[in-house]
Every structure is written in C-alpha cells, then in structure tokens.
Amino acid sequence: MKRKEKKENGVKFPRRDELGTERTFPPSLGTKSKREREEKRKTEKKRKRRRVEGRREKENVDGKVRGLKEDREKERLARKDFSKDP
C-alpha cells in the first residue's frame, strides 16, 4: 500500500522519501532558528521586568521608596472630598 502525500503550506511533501527516512522540510518555511526565538524571548522578559520595576518603585520626596499600591491609596484620599461629614 502506497503512503499518501501530505500537503503543507501549499507544497506537497511525501511522508517518507525513497530511502525510507523521515521527510525533510525546505529551510525557508517562515520558521526562525531556535537561537533567534530564545534571544527574542529573553529580551522581551528583560524589557517587561524593567517596565514593572519602574512602576513598582517610585522615589519619594524624602528619599523613601514606596510601592504602587500606596501611591494609588494616597491619590484616592487626595481626590476624596472631605467637606461632607458621613
């Protein structure tokens, strides 16, 4: 029984070649090398970490480092109208 040919990306590839080895893909099917993918992932992680660290810690006027949650709380209290009594 003859093996079927599988069609991928518009190109027909036989499942096995004449020698019976696994099929090989042409080098340029839009795939990046493993090294390129790893480098991109590492740079993205570094960029993301820098962004998060920049948001997390802000330098206060008196030199203390405070977190983002405290900033939000202070801003919320500053916006709140204290003229009305509960």
Protein backbone atom coordinates (compact mmCIF):
# COMPACT_ATOMS: atom_id res chain seq x y z
CA MET A 1 0.00 0.00 0.00
CA LYS A 2 1.37 3.36 -1.03
CA ARG A 3 1.75 6.14 1.54
CA LYS A 4 -0.25 9.30 0.95
CA GLU A 5 1.42 12.62 0.35
CA LYS A 6 0.70 15.31 2.90
CA LYS A 7 0.11 18.86 1.71
CA GLU A 8 1.53 21.63 3.93
CA ASN A 9 1.72 25.34 3.17
CA GLY A 10 0.70 24.68 -0.39
CA VAL A 11 3.68 22.37 -1.04
CA LYS A 12 3.37 18.62 -1.33
CA PHE A 13 5.77 16.56 0.75
CA PRO A 14 5.95 12.79 0.61
CA ARG A 15 5.70 11.33 4.11
CA ARG A 16 8.93 9.40 3.55
CA ASP A 17 11.48 9.68 0.81
CA GLU A 18 12.76 6.76 -1.26
CA LEU A 19 15.27 5.69 1.37
CA GLY A 20 12.56 5.40 3.99
CA THR A 21 13.86 8.24 6.16
CA GLU A 22 11.63 10.94 7.64
CA ARG A 23 10.73 13.79 5.33
CA THR A 24 12.75 16.99 5.43
CA PHE A 25 11.35 20.49 5.06
CA PRO A 26 12.94 23.20 2.97
CA PRO A 27 14.86 25.64 5.19
CA SER A 28 12.70 28.69 4.47
CA LEU A 29 9.14 27.98 5.52
CA GLY A 30 8.99 31.12 7.63
CA THR A 31 10.46 29.46 10.70
CA LYS A 32 13.03 31.16 12.88
CA SER A 33 16.00 29.37 14.29
CA LYS A 34 15.86 28.24 17.89
CA ARG A 35 18.57 30.71 18.85
CA GLU A 36 16.63 33.66 17.38
CA ARG A 37 13.49 32.65 19.27
CA GLU A 38 15.40 32.32 22.56
CA GLU A 39 17.07 35.73 22.12
CA LYS A 40 13.73 37.40 21.41
CA ARG A 41 12.13 35.77 24.44
CA LYS A 42 14.99 36.86 26.73
CA THR A 43 14.93 40.46 25.53
CA GLU A 44 11.15 40.59 25.95
CA LYS A 45 11.46 39.27 29.51
CA LYS A 46 14.14 41.86 30.34
CA ARG A 47 12.07 44.69 28.86
CA LYS A 48 8.97 43.58 30.74
CA ARG A 49 10.86 43.29 34.04
CA ARG A 50 12.33 46.79 33.62
CA ARG A 51 8.86 48.22 32.97
CA VAL A 52 7.39 46.51 36.03
CA GLU A 53 10.27 47.57 38.29
CA GLY A 54 9.92 51.16 37.11
CA ARG A 55 6.25 51.15 38.01
CA ARG A 56 6.71 49.30 41.29
CA GLU A 57 9.19 51.63 42.93
CA LYS A 58 8.99 55.39 42.87
CA GLU A 59 11.38 57.68 44.69
CA ASN A 60 9.56 59.73 47.29
CA VAL A 61 10.47 63.33 48.15
CA ASP A 62 12.07 62.37 51.46
CA GLY A 63 14.08 59.55 49.88
CA LYS A 64 11.84 56.66 50.86
CA VAL A 65 10.85 54.08 48.29
CA ARG A 66 7.17 53.32 48.23
CA GLY A 67 5.09 50.89 46.25
CA LEU A 68 2.46 51.47 43.61
CA LYS A 69 -0.39 50.44 45.89
CA GLU A 70 0.50 53.15 48.41
CA ASP A 71 0.61 55.72 45.60
CA ARG A 72 -2.87 54.77 44.47
CA GLU A 73 -4.18 54.95 48.03
CA LYS A 74 -2.72 58.42 48.60
CA GLU A 75 -4.08 59.69 45.27
CA ARG A 76 -7.53 58.31 46.10
CA LEU A 77 -7.50 60.01 49.50
CA ALA A 78 -6.30 63.28 47.96
CA ARG A 79 -9.18 63.26 45.44
CA LYS A 80 -11.76 62.44 48.08
CA ASP A 81 -13.94 65.36 49.16
CA PHE A 82 -13.62 65.81 52.93
CA SER A 83 -16.07 68.71 53.14
CA LYS A 84 -19.05 66.41 53.69
CA ASP A 85 -19.44 64.62 57.01
CA PRO A 86 -20.53 60.97 56.83
